[in-house]
Every structure is written in structure tokens, then in C-alpha cells.
Amino acid sequence: MDTEIPRPSLLRRLAAIVYDTFLVLPLIMASVALATGLRVLAFGTDGDSIVTLPPHLVQALAAFTVIAFYTVFWRLRGQTLGMQAWRIQLQGRDGSAVTVVQSVVRCIGATVSLALLGAGYWWCLFDRNKRCWHDYLSRTDVVLLPKKEKN
């Protein structure tokens, strides 16, 4: 077991996810609005009809936006804003910065973990290293950062 590395609790992980959800939802809405605007520019409108995008395109835009959000933050500092608020950091198994491939694999793995009634997340409660399924899939670790000293 990696006893020297403090791990965040499941509750702390979930709190960071909720925080990040409030940040990523407006980005998804903006990407869909941008795509809708581009569709209107490219094809115009036919009078009073409402312009919509095919559902699969909206889902693809949402998935791309979420993956891009996490990848950018994880590559820059190893933390999203929610992770910063909850003192959590993502890193490679050797302590290195997370790669783009690891970020994408982690996002897909986390989605699967959640889709299976959260089983991939619940796993960390029983795992001796306190890792979720997507931690194993992406070969990453989530660590709990120490509290900052008050001056």
C-alpha cells in the first residue's frame, strides 16, 4: 500500500466533481450555442422555425467539452477548480504531470465508473490503495494536498 501518499476520501472526490459540474455546464451550453450559431450561418433558417442540432451532435459536443475541460486543467496544474477547492491533485503514478492520453482515458473510465451505479467510485472504499477504477485505467493517482499554513 502507498501509505506515504495521503488519499482523498470518496466524499471529497465527489464534492470536487459537483463543484466542477457547475463550471463545465455553462461551457457545454456555450459550445452548443456556438455550434447552433454556426449552423444558422452555414444553412440559414426557414422563417419561423426553431434551429436545433441533431441530438448525437449535442452529445458529442458535450463529451468533447467535458474532456477538454478536464484535460486542460489536469495538464496545466493537475487540478480543476473544484479539485483546488478541496485540496486534491491528480498526477501520474510516478508523480509526473498527467498526459493527454491519460486524461482522456480517465474521463472515459470515470464515465463508465459512474454509469455502473457508481461502482468504479465505490471501489476506492475497499481498495487497499484507495483508488477508483479510472485511477487504475489511466495509471494516475489522486492525492490529498496538505493545508496551507496561515501566517
C-alpha atoms as a PDB file:
ATOM      1  CA  MET A   1       0.000   0.000   0.000  1.00  0.00           C
ATOM      2  CA  ASP A   2       1.132   3.531  -0.748  1.00  0.00           C
ATOM      3  CA  THR A   3       0.993   4.687   2.872  1.00  0.00           C
ATOM      4  CA  GLU A   4       3.213   7.725   2.357  1.00  0.00           C
ATOM      5  CA  ILE A   5       0.732   9.281  -0.084  1.00  0.00           C
ATOM      6  CA  PRO A   6      -2.387  10.715   1.579  1.00  0.00           C
ATOM      7  CA  ARG A   7      -5.508   9.948  -0.457  1.00  0.00           C
ATOM      8  CA  PRO A   8      -8.722  11.984  -0.508  1.00  0.00           C
ATOM      9  CA  SER A   9     -11.921  10.410   0.723  1.00  0.00           C
ATOM     10  CA  LEU A  10     -14.703   9.454  -1.656  1.00  0.00           C
ATOM     11  CA  LEU A  11     -16.808  12.300  -0.273  1.00  0.00           C
ATOM     12  CA  ARG A  12     -14.059  14.815  -1.030  1.00  0.00           C
ATOM     13  CA  ARG A  13     -13.705  13.458  -4.574  1.00  0.00           C
ATOM     14  CA  LEU A  14     -17.455  13.706  -5.143  1.00  0.00           C
ATOM     15  CA  ALA A  15     -17.568  17.251  -3.744  1.00  0.00           C
ATOM     16  CA  ALA A  16     -14.910  18.315  -6.256  1.00  0.00           C
ATOM     17  CA  ILE A  17     -16.919  16.701  -9.064  1.00  0.00           C
ATOM     18  CA  VAL A  18     -20.066  18.606  -8.034  1.00  0.00           C
ATOM     19  CA  TYR A  19     -18.088  21.853  -7.929  1.00  0.00           C
ATOM     20  CA  ASP A  20     -16.640  21.189 -11.388  1.00  0.00           C
ATOM     21  CA  THR A  21     -20.069  20.299 -12.763  1.00  0.00           C
ATOM     22  CA  PHE A  22     -21.243  23.847 -12.035  1.00  0.00           C
ATOM     23  CA  LEU A  23     -18.263  25.114 -14.029  1.00  0.00           C
ATOM     24  CA  VAL A  24     -18.459  22.758 -17.009  1.00  0.00           C
ATOM     25  CA  LEU A  25     -22.229  23.017 -17.632  1.00  0.00           C
ATOM     26  CA  PRO A  26     -22.031  26.643 -18.869  1.00  0.00           C
ATOM     27  CA  LEU A  27     -19.152  25.623 -21.134  1.00  0.00           C
ATOM     28  CA  ILE A  28     -21.284  22.864 -22.642  1.00  0.00           C
ATOM     29  CA  MET A  29     -24.130  25.343 -23.171  1.00  0.00           C
ATOM     30  CA  ALA A  30     -21.743  27.791 -24.828  1.00  0.00           C
ATOM     31  CA  SER A  31     -20.344  25.128 -27.177  1.00  0.00           C
ATOM     32  CA  VAL A  32     -23.856  24.049 -28.209  1.00  0.00           C
ATOM     33  CA  ALA A  33     -24.883  27.698 -28.705  1.00  0.00           C
ATOM     34  CA  LEU A  34     -21.779  28.292 -30.832  1.00  0.00           C
ATOM     35  CA  ALA A  35     -22.488  25.210 -32.950  1.00  0.00           C
ATOM     36  CA  THR A  36     -26.123  26.301 -33.364  1.00  0.00           C
ATOM     37  CA  GLY A  37     -24.985  29.750 -34.459  1.00  0.00           C
ATOM     38  CA  LEU A  38     -22.569  28.238 -36.962  1.00  0.00           C
ATOM     39  CA  ARG A  39     -25.356  26.059 -38.328  1.00  0.00           C
ATOM     40  CA  VAL A  40     -27.567  29.124 -38.818  1.00  0.00           C
ATOM     41  CA  LEU A  41     -24.723  30.957 -40.564  1.00  0.00           C
ATOM     42  CA  ALA A  42     -23.988  27.998 -42.818  1.00  0.00           C
ATOM     43  CA  PHE A  43     -27.526  26.920 -43.693  1.00  0.00           C
ATOM     44  CA  GLY A  44     -29.739  29.840 -42.708  1.00  0.00           C
ATOM     45  CA  THR A  45     -33.212  29.466 -41.265  1.00  0.00           C
ATOM     46  CA  ASP A  46     -36.528  28.813 -42.903  1.00  0.00           C
ATOM     47  CA  GLY A  47     -38.688  31.505 -41.428  1.00  0.00           C
ATOM     48  CA  ASP A  48     -40.178  30.991 -38.015  1.00  0.00           C
ATOM     49  CA  SER A  49     -38.754  27.536 -37.348  1.00  0.00           C
ATOM     50  CA  ILE A  50     -36.538  26.846 -34.360  1.00  0.00           C
ATOM     51  CA  VAL A  51     -32.990  25.862 -35.205  1.00  0.00           C
ATOM     52  CA  THR A  52     -31.891  22.671 -33.466  1.00  0.00           C
ATOM     53  CA  LEU A  53     -28.899  20.413 -33.664  1.00  0.00           C
ATOM     54  CA  PRO A  54     -29.073  16.636 -34.048  1.00  0.00           C
ATOM     55  CA  PRO A  55     -29.039  15.005 -30.584  1.00  0.00           C
ATOM     56  CA  HIS A  56     -25.905  12.992 -31.364  1.00  0.00           C
ATOM     57  CA  LEU A  57     -24.045  16.183 -32.242  1.00  0.00           C
ATOM     58  CA  VAL A  58     -25.102  17.787 -28.955  1.00  0.00           C
ATOM     59  CA  GLN A  59     -23.925  14.700 -27.051  1.00  0.00           C
ATOM     60  CA  ALA A  60     -20.617  14.697 -28.911  1.00  0.00           C
ATOM     61  CA  LEU A  61     -20.122  18.407 -28.186  1.00  0.00           C
ATOM     62  CA  ALA A  62     -20.878  17.822 -24.504  1.00  0.00           C
ATOM     63  CA  ALA A  63     -18.430  14.915 -24.302  1.00  0.00           C
ATOM     64  CA  PHE A  64     -15.726  16.875 -26.125  1.00  0.00           C
ATOM     65  CA  THR A  65     -16.249  19.908 -23.873  1.00  0.00           C
ATOM     66  CA  VAL A  66     -16.023  17.858 -20.674  1.00  0.00           C
ATOM     67  CA  ILE A  67     -12.900  16.015 -21.831  1.00  0.00           C
ATOM     68  CA  ALA A  68     -11.291  19.279 -22.965  1.00  0.00           C
ATOM     69  CA  PHE A  69     -12.148  20.987 -19.650  1.00  0.00           C
ATOM     70  CA  TYR A  70     -10.532  18.268 -17.558  1.00  0.00           C
ATOM     71  CA  THR A  71      -7.572  17.755 -19.886  1.00  0.00           C
ATOM     72  CA  VAL A  72      -6.641  21.434 -19.925  1.00  0.00           C
ATOM     73  CA  PHE A  73      -6.813  21.780 -16.142  1.00  0.00           C
ATOM     74  CA  TRP A  74      -5.066  18.474 -15.427  1.00  0.00           C
ATOM     75  CA  ARG A  75      -2.275  19.273 -17.878  1.00  0.00           C
ATOM     76  CA  LEU A  76      -1.741  22.821 -16.551  1.00  0.00           C
ATOM     77  CA  ARG A  77      -1.713  22.219 -12.789  1.00  0.00           C
ATOM     78  CA  GLY A  78      -3.003  18.736 -12.113  1.00  0.00           C
ATOM     79  CA  GLN A  79      -6.144  20.284 -10.653  1.00  0.00           C
ATOM     80  CA  THR A  80      -9.501  21.593 -11.756  1.00  0.00           C
ATOM     81  CA  LEU A  81     -11.005  24.470  -9.801  1.00  0.00           C
ATOM     82  CA  GLY A  82     -13.101  22.012  -7.793  1.00  0.00           C
ATOM     83  CA  MET A  83     -10.009  19.982  -7.007  1.00  0.00           C
ATOM     84  CA  GLN A  84      -8.207  23.141  -5.883  1.00  0.00           C
ATOM     85  CA  ALA A  85     -11.071  23.993  -3.536  1.00  0.00           C
ATOM     86  CA  TRP A  86     -10.933  20.510  -1.998  1.00  0.00           C
ATOM     87  CA  ARG A  87      -7.095  20.236  -1.965  1.00  0.00           C
ATOM     88  CA  ILE A  88      -6.960  17.333  -4.412  1.00  0.00           C
ATOM     89  CA  GLN A  89      -4.354  16.891  -7.126  1.00  0.00           C
ATOM     90  CA  LEU A  90      -4.090  14.434  -9.994  1.00  0.00           C
ATOM     91  CA  GLN A  91      -0.701  13.075 -11.003  1.00  0.00           C
ATOM     92  CA  GLY A  92       0.869  10.181 -12.818  1.00  0.00           C
ATOM     93  CA  ARG A  93       1.832   7.132 -10.751  1.00  0.00           C
ATOM     94  CA  ASP A  94       5.408   8.424 -10.564  1.00  0.00           C
ATOM     95  CA  GLY A  95       4.327  11.925  -9.508  1.00  0.00           C
ATOM     96  CA  SER A  96       4.673  13.334 -13.013  1.00  0.00           C
ATOM     97  CA  ALA A  97       2.186  15.526 -14.863  1.00  0.00           C
ATOM     98  CA  VAL A  98      -0.748  13.736 -16.459  1.00  0.00           C
ATOM     99  CA  THR A  99      -0.568  13.228 -20.234  1.00  0.00           C
ATOM    100  CA  VAL A 100      -3.363  13.976 -22.696  1.00  0.00           C
ATOM    101  CA  VAL A 101      -3.904  10.245 -23.250  1.00  0.00           C
ATOM    102  CA  GLN A 102      -4.162   9.646 -19.504  1.00  0.00           C
ATOM    103  CA  SER A 103      -6.686  12.485 -19.228  1.00  0.00           C
ATOM    104  CA  VAL A 104      -8.895  11.100 -21.989  1.00  0.00           C
ATOM    105  CA  VAL A 105      -8.692   7.543 -20.626  1.00  0.00           C
ATOM    106  CA  ARG A 106      -9.503   8.856 -17.151  1.00  0.00           C
ATOM    107  CA  CYS A 107     -12.551  10.805 -18.388  1.00  0.00           C
ATOM    108  CA  ILE A 108     -13.915   7.791 -20.251  1.00  0.00           C
ATOM    109  CA  GLY A 109     -13.148   5.489 -17.319  1.00  0.00           C
ATOM    110  CA  ALA A 110     -14.821   7.862 -14.848  1.00  0.00           C
ATOM    111  CA  THR A 111     -17.920   7.936 -17.042  1.00  0.00           C
ATOM    112  CA  VAL A 112     -18.054   4.140 -17.071  1.00  0.00           C
ATOM    113  CA  SER A 113     -17.406   4.078 -13.307  1.00  0.00           C
ATOM    114  CA  LEU A 114     -20.355   6.386 -12.774  1.00  0.00           C
ATOM    115  CA  ALA A 115     -22.632   4.689 -15.315  1.00  0.00           C
ATOM    116  CA  LEU A 116     -22.344   1.385 -13.452  1.00  0.00           C
ATOM    117  CA  LEU A 117     -24.216   2.867 -10.481  1.00  0.00           C
ATOM    118  CA  GLY A 118     -21.012   4.452  -9.253  1.00  0.00           C
ATOM    119  CA  ALA A 119     -19.319   1.063  -8.764  1.00  0.00           C
ATOM    120  CA  GLY A 120     -15.986   2.405 -10.016  1.00  0.00           C
ATOM    121  CA  TYR A 121     -16.099   5.138  -7.390  1.00  0.00           C
ATOM    122  CA  TRP A 122     -17.346   2.888  -4.570  1.00  0.00           C
ATOM    123  CA  TRP A 123     -14.336   0.691  -5.308  1.00  0.00           C
ATOM    124  CA  CYS A 124     -11.994   3.132  -3.547  1.00  0.00           C
ATOM    125  CA  LEU A 125     -13.744   2.387  -0.247  1.00  0.00           C
ATOM    126  CA  PHE A 126     -12.499  -1.204  -0.397  1.00  0.00           C
ATOM    127  CA  ASP A 127      -9.261  -0.850  -2.350  1.00  0.00           C
ATOM    128  CA  ARG A 128      -6.094  -1.040  -0.269  1.00  0.00           C
ATOM    129  CA  ASN A 129      -4.611   1.890  -2.252  1.00  0.00           C
ATOM    130  CA  LYS A 130      -7.890   3.865  -2.159  1.00  0.00           C
ATOM    131  CA  ARG A 131      -8.001   4.019  -5.967  1.00  0.00           C
ATOM    132  CA  CYS A 132     -11.076   4.105  -8.180  1.00  0.00           C
ATOM    133  CA  TRP A 133     -11.348   2.100 -11.393  1.00  0.00           C
ATOM    134  CA  HIS A 134     -10.422   5.102 -13.535  1.00  0.00           C
ATOM    135  CA  ASP A 135      -7.291   5.653 -11.418  1.00  0.00           C
ATOM    136  CA  TYR A 136      -6.163   2.169 -12.417  1.00  0.00           C
ATOM    137  CA  LEU A 137      -7.239   2.523 -16.061  1.00  0.00           C
ATOM    138  CA  SER A 138      -5.390   5.799 -16.558  1.00  0.00           C
ATOM    139  CA  ARG A 139      -2.414   4.915 -14.361  1.00  0.00           C
ATOM    140  CA  THR A 140      -2.945   8.056 -12.295  1.00  0.00           C
ATOM    141  CA  ASP A 141      -3.213   8.876  -8.605  1.00  0.00           C
ATOM    142  CA  VAL A 142      -5.344  11.390  -6.786  1.00  0.00           C
ATOM    143  CA  VAL A 143      -3.556  12.811  -3.755  1.00  0.00           C
ATOM    144  CA  LEU A 144      -4.686  14.980  -0.883  1.00  0.00           C
ATOM    145  CA  LEU A 145      -2.605  18.121  -0.558  1.00  0.00           C
ATOM    146  CA  PRO A 146      -1.643  19.474   2.889  1.00  0.00           C
ATOM    147  CA  LYS A 147      -3.405  22.501   4.322  1.00  0.00           C
ATOM    148  CA  LYS A 148      -1.669  25.802   3.698  1.00  0.00           C
ATOM    149  CA  GLU A 149      -0.017  27.351   6.708  1.00  0.00           C
ATOM    150  CA  LYS A 150      -1.708  30.509   7.989  1.00  0.00           C
ATOM    151  CA  ASN A 151       0.656  33.415   8.562  1.00  0.00           C
END
